[in-house]
Amino acid sequence: MQRLQNKVALVTAAASGIGRATALRFAAEGAQVVALDQSAEGLAKTVALITAAGGQALAVTADITQAAAARAAVEQALAAWGRLDVVFNGVGASGRRYGDGPVDECSEEGWDWTLAVNLTSIF
């Protein structure tokens, strides 16, 4: 069953893990997928997997913690397929970039980065 036939879906964190799995599933369900991530290499693999299976995908490399980059990604989806029906926000971070540990040991930079990834990017 093609539950997403003729739908356009934007998937963040599509270069690996849950984001890639979601992009592949959406494509298998008939969606044209806008695969978004910071990793151009990972996105290339995701898009290759989708197209090899007969699907359609567009890779958009962007840091969506930056509002302008997020807007540009949506604009690319609209330019490619004229609409956007589904958004899957798969991006997330635990702070490991700055070292795990008790919250009182978290740097301000680590806190800001984690909020930017987990909250601001979704907004």
N, C-alpha and C. Protein backbone atom coordinates (compact mmCIF):
# COMPACT_ATOMS: atom_id res chain seq x y z
N MET A 1 0.84 -1.19 0.00
CA MET A 1 0.00 0.00 0.00
C MET A 1 0.88 1.25 0.00
N GLN A 2 0.56 2.21 -0.82
CA GLN A 2 1.31 3.45 -0.96
C GLN A 2 0.60 4.58 -0.21
N ARG A 3 0.71 4.57 1.11
CA ARG A 3 -0.03 5.53 1.94
C ARG A 3 0.42 6.97 1.76
N LEU A 4 1.61 7.17 1.21
CA LEU A 4 2.11 8.54 1.02
C LEU A 4 2.26 8.88 -0.46
N GLN A 5 1.56 8.16 -1.31
CA GLN A 5 1.61 8.41 -2.75
C GLN A 5 1.26 9.86 -3.03
N ASN A 6 2.08 10.51 -3.87
CA ASN A 6 1.88 11.91 -4.27
C ASN A 6 2.01 12.90 -3.12
N LYS A 7 2.70 12.52 -2.06
CA LYS A 7 2.98 13.42 -0.95
C LYS A 7 4.47 13.76 -0.97
N VAL A 8 4.80 14.94 -0.47
CA VAL A 8 6.19 15.36 -0.33
C VAL A 8 6.51 15.41 1.15
N ALA A 9 7.57 14.70 1.54
CA ALA A 9 7.94 14.60 2.95
C ALA A 9 9.36 15.10 3.16
N LEU A 10 9.54 15.99 4.12
CA LEU A 10 10.85 16.46 4.53
C LEU A 10 11.24 15.68 5.78
N VAL A 11 12.42 15.07 5.76
CA VAL A 11 12.89 14.27 6.88
C VAL A 11 14.22 14.82 7.35
N THR A 12 14.28 15.32 8.60
CA THR A 12 15.55 15.79 9.15
C THR A 12 16.33 14.61 9.73
N ALA A 13 17.63 14.78 9.84
CA ALA A 13 18.55 13.74 10.33
C ALA A 13 18.51 12.51 9.42
N ALA A 14 18.34 12.73 8.12
CA ALA A 14 18.13 11.65 7.17
C ALA A 14 19.41 10.95 6.72
N ALA A 15 20.55 11.37 7.22
CA ALA A 15 21.81 10.76 6.80
C ALA A 15 22.12 9.44 7.48
N SER A 16 21.40 9.13 8.56
CA SER A 16 21.69 7.88 9.29
C SER A 16 20.56 7.58 10.27
N GLY A 17 20.65 6.42 10.88
CA GLY A 17 19.79 6.04 11.98
C GLY A 17 18.30 6.12 11.70
N ILE A 18 17.57 6.64 12.69
CA ILE A 18 16.12 6.73 12.60
C ILE A 18 15.69 7.64 11.43
N GLY A 19 16.42 8.72 11.21
CA GLY A 19 16.08 9.61 10.11
C GLY A 19 16.19 8.91 8.76
N ARG A 20 17.27 8.15 8.56
CA ARG A 20 17.43 7.41 7.29
C ARG A 20 16.32 6.37 7.17
N ALA A 21 16.07 5.63 8.23
CA ALA A 21 15.02 4.60 8.19
C ALA A 21 13.67 5.22 7.85
N THR A 22 13.39 6.39 8.40
CA THR A 22 12.13 7.07 8.12
C THR A 22 12.07 7.52 6.66
N ALA A 23 13.15 8.09 6.16
CA ALA A 23 13.19 8.52 4.76
C ALA A 23 12.96 7.33 3.82
N LEU A 24 13.59 6.21 4.12
CA LEU A 24 13.42 5.02 3.29
C LEU A 24 11.98 4.51 3.34
N ARG A 25 11.40 4.51 4.52
CA ARG A 25 10.01 4.04 4.66
C ARG A 25 9.03 4.97 3.96
N PHE A 26 9.23 6.27 4.14
CA PHE A 26 8.36 7.23 3.47
C PHE A 26 8.42 7.04 1.96
N ALA A 27 9.64 6.86 1.43
CA ALA A 27 9.80 6.63 -0.02
C ALA A 27 9.12 5.34 -0.44
N ALA A 28 9.26 4.29 0.36
CA ALA A 28 8.61 3.01 0.05
C ALA A 28 7.09 3.15 0.05
N GLU A 29 6.59 4.12 0.82
CA GLU A 29 5.15 4.38 0.88
C GLU A 29 4.71 5.36 -0.20
N GLY A 30 5.63 5.75 -1.10
CA GLY A 30 5.28 6.57 -2.25
C GLY A 30 5.62 8.04 -2.17
N ALA A 31 6.18 8.50 -1.07
CA ALA A 31 6.49 9.92 -0.93
C ALA A 31 7.73 10.31 -1.73
N GLN A 32 7.73 11.56 -2.20
CA GLN A 32 8.95 12.17 -2.67
C GLN A 32 9.61 12.72 -1.42
N VAL A 33 10.86 12.35 -1.19
CA VAL A 33 11.52 12.66 0.08
C VAL A 33 12.55 13.76 -0.08
N VAL A 34 12.44 14.76 0.78
CA VAL A 34 13.48 15.77 0.93
C VAL A 34 14.29 15.33 2.14
N ALA A 35 15.47 14.78 1.89
CA ALA A 35 16.33 14.26 2.95
C ALA A 35 17.27 15.37 3.40
N LEU A 36 17.20 15.73 4.67
CA LEU A 36 17.95 16.87 5.18
C LEU A 36 18.88 16.43 6.31
N ASP A 37 20.11 16.90 6.28
CA ASP A 37 21.09 16.59 7.32
C ASP A 37 22.31 17.48 7.10
N GLN A 38 23.22 17.49 8.06
CA GLN A 38 24.49 18.20 7.91
C GLN A 38 25.51 17.36 7.14
N SER A 39 25.31 16.06 7.09
CA SER A 39 26.27 15.14 6.47
C SER A 39 25.93 14.90 5.00
N ALA A 40 26.66 15.54 4.11
CA ALA A 40 26.43 15.35 2.67
C ALA A 40 26.71 13.91 2.28
N GLU A 41 27.73 13.31 2.87
CA GLU A 41 28.08 11.92 2.56
C GLU A 41 26.95 10.97 2.96
N GLY A 42 26.43 11.14 4.16
CA GLY A 42 25.33 10.29 4.62
C GLY A 42 24.08 10.50 3.79
N LEU A 43 23.80 11.75 3.42
CA LEU A 43 22.64 12.03 2.58
C LEU A 43 22.76 11.37 1.22
N ALA A 44 23.97 11.39 0.66
CA ALA A 44 24.18 10.76 -0.64
C ALA A 44 23.83 9.27 -0.57
N LYS A 45 24.19 8.62 0.52
CA LYS A 45 23.87 7.20 0.67
C LYS A 45 22.36 7.01 0.82
N THR A 46 21.71 7.85 1.61
CA THR A 46 20.26 7.75 1.78
C THR A 46 19.55 7.92 0.45
N VAL A 47 19.92 8.95 -0.30
CA VAL A 47 19.29 9.20 -1.59
C VAL A 47 19.56 8.05 -2.56
N ALA A 48 20.77 7.52 -2.53
CA ALA A 48 21.10 6.38 -3.40
C ALA A 48 20.23 5.17 -3.07
N LEU A 49 20.01 4.92 -1.79
CA LEU A 49 19.16 3.79 -1.38
C LEU A 49 17.72 4.00 -1.85
N ILE A 50 17.23 5.22 -1.73
CA ILE A 50 15.86 5.52 -2.16
C ILE A 50 15.72 5.36 -3.67
N THR A 51 16.64 5.94 -4.42
CA THR A 51 16.52 5.88 -5.88
C THR A 51 16.74 4.47 -6.40
N ALA A 52 17.62 3.71 -5.75
CA ALA A 52 17.85 2.31 -6.16
C ALA A 52 16.58 1.48 -6.00
N ALA A 53 15.74 1.87 -5.05
CA ALA A 53 14.48 1.16 -4.81
C ALA A 53 13.34 1.72 -5.66
N GLY A 54 13.66 2.69 -6.52
CA GLY A 54 12.64 3.26 -7.41
C GLY A 54 11.96 4.50 -6.89
N GLY A 55 12.44 5.04 -5.76
CA GLY A 55 11.84 6.23 -5.19
C GLY A 55 12.47 7.51 -5.68
N GLN A 56 11.93 8.62 -5.20
CA GLN A 56 12.44 9.95 -5.55
C GLN A 56 12.89 10.65 -4.29
N ALA A 57 14.08 11.25 -4.36
CA ALA A 57 14.61 11.95 -3.19
C ALA A 57 15.50 13.10 -3.60
N LEU A 58 15.53 14.09 -2.75
CA LEU A 58 16.37 15.27 -2.91
C LEU A 58 17.19 15.42 -1.64
N ALA A 59 18.50 15.54 -1.78
CA ALA A 59 19.37 15.75 -0.62
C ALA A 59 19.53 17.24 -0.38
N VAL A 60 19.34 17.66 0.87
CA VAL A 60 19.55 19.05 1.27
C VAL A 60 20.49 19.04 2.47
N THR A 61 21.68 19.57 2.26
CA THR A 61 22.66 19.65 3.33
C THR A 61 22.49 20.99 4.04
N ALA A 62 22.19 20.93 5.35
CA ALA A 62 21.94 22.17 6.09
C ALA A 62 22.07 21.93 7.58
N ASP A 63 22.38 23.00 8.29
CA ASP A 63 22.36 23.02 9.75
C ASP A 63 21.06 23.70 10.16
N ILE A 64 20.06 22.91 10.51
CA ILE A 64 18.75 23.50 10.76
C ILE A 64 18.62 24.14 12.14
N THR A 65 19.72 24.19 12.89
CA THR A 65 19.67 25.01 14.10
C THR A 65 19.71 26.50 13.71
N GLN A 66 19.99 26.75 12.44
CA GLN A 66 19.99 28.12 11.91
C GLN A 66 18.68 28.33 11.13
N ALA A 67 17.89 29.29 11.54
CA ALA A 67 16.56 29.50 10.95
C ALA A 67 16.62 29.71 9.45
N ALA A 68 17.60 30.43 8.97
CA ALA A 68 17.71 30.68 7.53
C ALA A 68 17.94 29.38 6.77
N ALA A 69 18.72 28.48 7.34
CA ALA A 69 18.98 27.19 6.69
C ALA A 69 17.72 26.34 6.66
N ALA A 70 16.94 26.38 7.72
CA ALA A 70 15.69 25.62 7.75
C ALA A 70 14.71 26.17 6.72
N ARG A 71 14.61 27.48 6.63
CA ARG A 71 13.73 28.10 5.62
C ARG A 71 14.19 27.73 4.21
N ALA A 72 15.50 27.75 3.99
CA ALA A 72 16.03 27.42 2.67
C ALA A 72 15.72 25.96 2.31
N ALA A 73 15.75 25.07 3.28
CA ALA A 73 15.43 23.66 3.03
C ALA A 73 13.99 23.52 2.58
N VAL A 74 13.08 24.22 3.24
CA VAL A 74 11.66 24.19 2.85
C VAL A 74 11.51 24.78 1.45
N GLU A 75 12.21 25.86 1.17
CA GLU A 75 12.15 26.48 -0.16
C GLU A 75 12.63 25.51 -1.24
N GLN A 76 13.67 24.72 -0.93
CA GLN A 76 14.16 23.73 -1.90
C GLN A 76 13.11 22.65 -2.15
N ALA A 77 12.42 22.23 -1.11
CA ALA A 77 11.35 21.24 -1.27
C ALA A 77 10.26 21.81 -2.17
N LEU A 78 9.87 23.05 -1.92
CA LEU A 78 8.83 23.70 -2.72
C LEU A 78 9.27 23.88 -4.17
N ALA A 79 10.53 24.24 -4.37
CA ALA A 79 11.04 24.42 -5.73
C ALA A 79 11.07 23.09 -6.48
N ALA A 80 11.40 22.02 -5.79
CA ALA A 80 11.50 20.71 -6.44
C ALA A 80 10.13 20.10 -6.74
N TRP A 81 9.21 20.17 -5.78
CA TRP A 81 7.94 19.44 -5.92
C TRP A 81 6.69 20.29 -5.69
N GLY A 82 6.87 21.59 -5.46
CA GLY A 82 5.72 22.48 -5.42
C GLY A 82 4.90 22.47 -4.15
N ARG A 83 5.27 21.62 -3.20
CA ARG A 83 4.50 21.56 -1.96
C ARG A 83 5.27 20.78 -0.91
N LEU A 84 4.74 20.80 0.29
CA LEU A 84 5.29 20.04 1.40
C LEU A 84 4.12 19.54 2.24
N ASP A 85 3.98 18.22 2.34
CA ASP A 85 2.84 17.63 3.03
C ASP A 85 3.17 17.07 4.40
N VAL A 86 4.40 16.60 4.57
CA VAL A 86 4.79 15.90 5.80
C VAL A 86 6.15 16.42 6.24
N VAL A 87 6.31 16.65 7.53
CA VAL A 87 7.63 16.96 8.10
C VAL A 87 7.89 15.99 9.24
N PHE A 88 9.02 15.30 9.16
CA PHE A 88 9.44 14.40 10.24
C PHE A 88 10.71 14.99 10.84
N ASN A 89 10.63 15.45 12.06
CA ASN A 89 11.79 16.04 12.75
C ASN A 89 12.51 14.96 13.54
N GLY A 90 13.50 14.35 12.91
CA GLY A 90 14.24 13.27 13.54
C GLY A 90 15.54 13.71 14.19
N VAL A 91 15.86 14.97 14.09
CA VAL A 91 17.12 15.46 14.65
C VAL A 91 17.04 15.50 16.17
N GLY A 92 18.13 15.16 16.82
CA GLY A 92 18.18 15.20 18.27
C GLY A 92 19.61 15.04 18.76
N ALA A 93 19.87 15.51 19.96
CA ALA A 93 21.21 15.44 20.53
C ALA A 93 21.12 15.26 22.04
N SER A 94 22.12 14.60 22.58
CA SER A 94 22.15 14.38 24.02
C SER A 94 23.21 15.20 24.73
N GLY A 95 23.99 15.92 24.01
CA GLY A 95 25.05 16.69 24.62
C GLY A 95 26.40 15.99 24.57
N ARG A 96 26.45 14.80 23.99
CA ARG A 96 27.72 14.06 23.94
C ARG A 96 28.81 14.83 23.22
N ARG A 97 28.42 15.73 22.36
CA ARG A 97 29.40 16.55 21.66
C ARG A 97 30.29 17.29 22.66
N TYR A 98 29.74 17.59 23.83
CA TYR A 98 30.46 18.33 24.85
C TYR A 98 30.78 17.48 26.07
N GLY A 99 30.55 16.20 25.96
CA GLY A 99 30.84 15.31 27.08
C GLY A 99 29.62 15.06 27.94
N ASP A 100 29.35 13.80 28.20
CA ASP A 100 28.24 13.46 29.09
C ASP A 100 28.64 13.70 30.54
N GLY A 101 27.68 13.85 31.36
CA GLY A 101 27.95 14.04 32.78
C GLY A 101 26.79 14.75 33.45
N PRO A 102 26.94 15.02 34.72
CA PRO A 102 25.88 15.72 35.47
C PRO A 102 25.60 17.09 34.87
N VAL A 103 24.36 17.53 34.98
CA VAL A 103 23.97 18.80 34.40
C VAL A 103 24.79 19.97 34.96
N ASP A 104 25.22 19.87 36.21
CA ASP A 104 26.00 20.97 36.78
C ASP A 104 27.41 21.05 36.18
N GLU A 105 27.78 20.05 35.39
CA GLU A 105 29.07 20.08 34.71
C GLU A 105 28.94 20.46 33.24
N CYS A 106 27.73 20.71 32.81
CA CYS A 106 27.47 21.07 31.41
C CYS A 106 27.93 22.51 31.18
N SER A 107 28.67 22.72 30.10
CA SER A 107 29.09 24.07 29.78
C SER A 107 27.92 24.85 29.18
N GLU A 108 28.02 26.15 29.22
CA GLU A 108 26.98 26.98 28.60
C GLU A 108 26.91 26.70 27.11
N GLU A 109 28.07 26.51 26.48
CA GLU A 109 28.11 26.19 25.05
C GLU A 109 27.40 24.86 24.77
N GLY A 110 27.64 23.87 25.62
CA GLY A 110 26.98 22.57 25.47
C GLY A 110 25.48 22.69 25.65
N TRP A 111 25.04 23.46 26.63
CA TRP A 111 23.62 23.68 26.87
C TRP A 111 22.96 24.36 25.67
N ASP A 112 23.60 25.43 25.18
CA ASP A 112 23.06 26.16 24.03
C ASP A 112 22.96 25.27 22.80
N TRP A 113 23.98 24.46 22.54
CA TRP A 113 23.98 23.57 21.38
C TRP A 113 22.87 22.52 21.50
N THR A 114 22.71 21.92 22.67
CA THR A 114 21.69 20.90 22.86
C THR A 114 20.29 21.48 22.66
N LEU A 115 20.05 22.68 23.17
CA LEU A 115 18.76 23.33 22.96
C LEU A 115 18.55 23.70 21.50
N ALA A 116 19.60 24.16 20.85
CA ALA A 116 19.48 24.52 19.43
C ALA A 116 19.10 23.29 18.59
N VAL A 117 19.71 22.16 18.87
CA VAL A 117 19.41 20.93 18.12
C VAL A 117 18.03 20.40 18.47
N ASN A 118 17.74 20.27 19.75
CA ASN A 118 16.52 19.60 20.19
C ASN A 118 15.26 20.47 20.17
N LEU A 119 15.42 21.77 20.28
CA LEU A 119 14.24 22.64 20.34
C LEU A 119 14.18 23.65 19.20
N THR A 120 15.21 24.44 19.04
CA THR A 120 15.18 25.51 18.05
C THR A 120 15.02 24.95 16.63
N SER A 121 15.70 23.86 16.32
CA SER A 121 15.60 23.30 14.98
C SER A 121 14.19 22.86 14.64
N ILE A 122 13.47 22.37 15.63
CA ILE A 122 12.09 21.94 15.42
C ILE A 122 11.21 23.16 15.14
N PHE A 123 11.46 24.24 15.89
CA PHE A 123 10.70 25.48 15.69
C PHE A 123 10.90 26.01 14.30
